[in-house]
Amino acid sequence: MTTFELGSFTKEKAQRIYDSLNGKTYMNFIVDWGIMPGGCPVTVSTKYDCSEKEVAEMVMFTLAASL
């Protein structure tokens, strides 16, 4: 499993990212987020065999396409 840490966001933004990415693309993203002091950390994982860089690129492409 390859995991990419996206960063820390507000609860509303973390939920929007979850809705935009979870289960999407051929990589079938698994988005995890939780409430922590200082924000909500968001991580994106995939069971697809690829590098962290490839996951990051597909995450950014998918988010940009959803605007």
Protein backbone atom coordinates (compact mmCIF):
# COMPACT_ATOMS: atom_id res chain seq x y z
CA MET A 1 0.00 0.00 0.00
CA THR A 2 1.31 3.42 -0.96
CA THR A 3 0.38 6.41 1.23
CA PHE A 4 0.66 10.12 0.53
CA GLU A 5 0.22 12.70 3.29
CA LEU A 6 -1.76 15.58 1.84
CA GLY A 7 -1.58 17.95 4.82
CA SER A 8 -3.75 19.44 7.54
CA PHE A 9 -7.02 21.20 6.71
CA THR A 10 -10.19 22.50 8.33
CA LYS A 11 -12.94 19.95 8.94
CA GLU A 12 -14.98 21.27 6.01
CA LYS A 13 -12.06 21.13 3.57
CA ALA A 14 -11.03 17.66 4.76
CA GLN A 15 -14.58 16.43 4.11
CA ARG A 16 -14.58 18.01 0.62
CA ILE A 17 -11.26 16.32 -0.19
CA TYR A 18 -12.65 13.02 1.07
CA ASP A 19 -15.74 13.38 -1.11
CA SER A 20 -13.64 14.31 -4.15
CA LEU A 21 -11.07 11.49 -3.88
CA ASN A 22 -12.32 8.49 -1.92
CA GLY A 23 -12.77 5.50 -4.26
CA LYS A 24 -11.89 7.56 -7.34
CA THR A 25 -9.69 6.76 -10.37
CA TYR A 26 -8.15 3.43 -11.30
CA MET A 27 -6.02 3.77 -8.14
CA ASN A 28 -9.18 3.46 -5.99
CA PHE A 29 -8.04 6.03 -3.42
CA ILE A 30 -8.55 5.39 0.28
CA VAL A 31 -8.81 8.76 2.04
CA ASP A 32 -8.36 8.97 5.82
CA TRP A 33 -8.80 12.07 7.90
CA GLY A 34 -9.42 12.83 11.54
CA ILE A 35 -9.73 15.70 13.95
CA MET A 36 -6.51 16.67 15.72
CA PRO A 37 -5.41 19.83 17.53
CA GLY A 38 -4.49 22.35 14.85
CA GLY A 39 -6.56 20.85 12.05
CA CYS A 40 -7.56 17.65 10.31
CA PRO A 41 -4.69 15.66 8.79
CA VAL A 42 -5.58 14.02 5.46
CA THR A 43 -3.79 11.00 3.98
CA VAL A 44 -4.47 9.28 0.68
CA SER A 45 -3.58 5.62 0.19
CA THR A 46 -3.89 3.13 -2.62
CA LYS A 47 -3.30 -0.60 -3.02
CA TYR A 48 -2.28 0.06 -6.63
CA ASP A 49 1.39 -0.78 -7.20
CA CYS A 50 3.03 2.63 -7.68
CA SER A 51 5.35 5.16 -6.08
CA GLU A 52 4.36 7.93 -3.66
CA LYS A 53 5.16 10.44 -6.42
CA GLU A 54 2.64 8.78 -8.77
CA VAL A 55 -0.03 8.88 -6.07
CA ALA A 56 0.70 12.56 -5.41
CA GLU A 57 0.45 13.39 -9.12
CA MET A 58 -2.86 11.55 -9.54
CA VAL A 59 -4.26 13.17 -6.37
CA MET A 60 -3.40 16.64 -7.64
CA PHE A 61 -4.77 15.87 -11.12
CA THR A 62 -8.04 14.50 -9.69
CA LEU A 63 -8.50 17.47 -7.34
CA ALA A 64 -7.78 19.95 -10.15
CA ALA A 65 -10.23 18.18 -12.45
CA SER A 66 -12.96 18.38 -9.81
CA LEU A 67 -12.86 22.21 -9.62
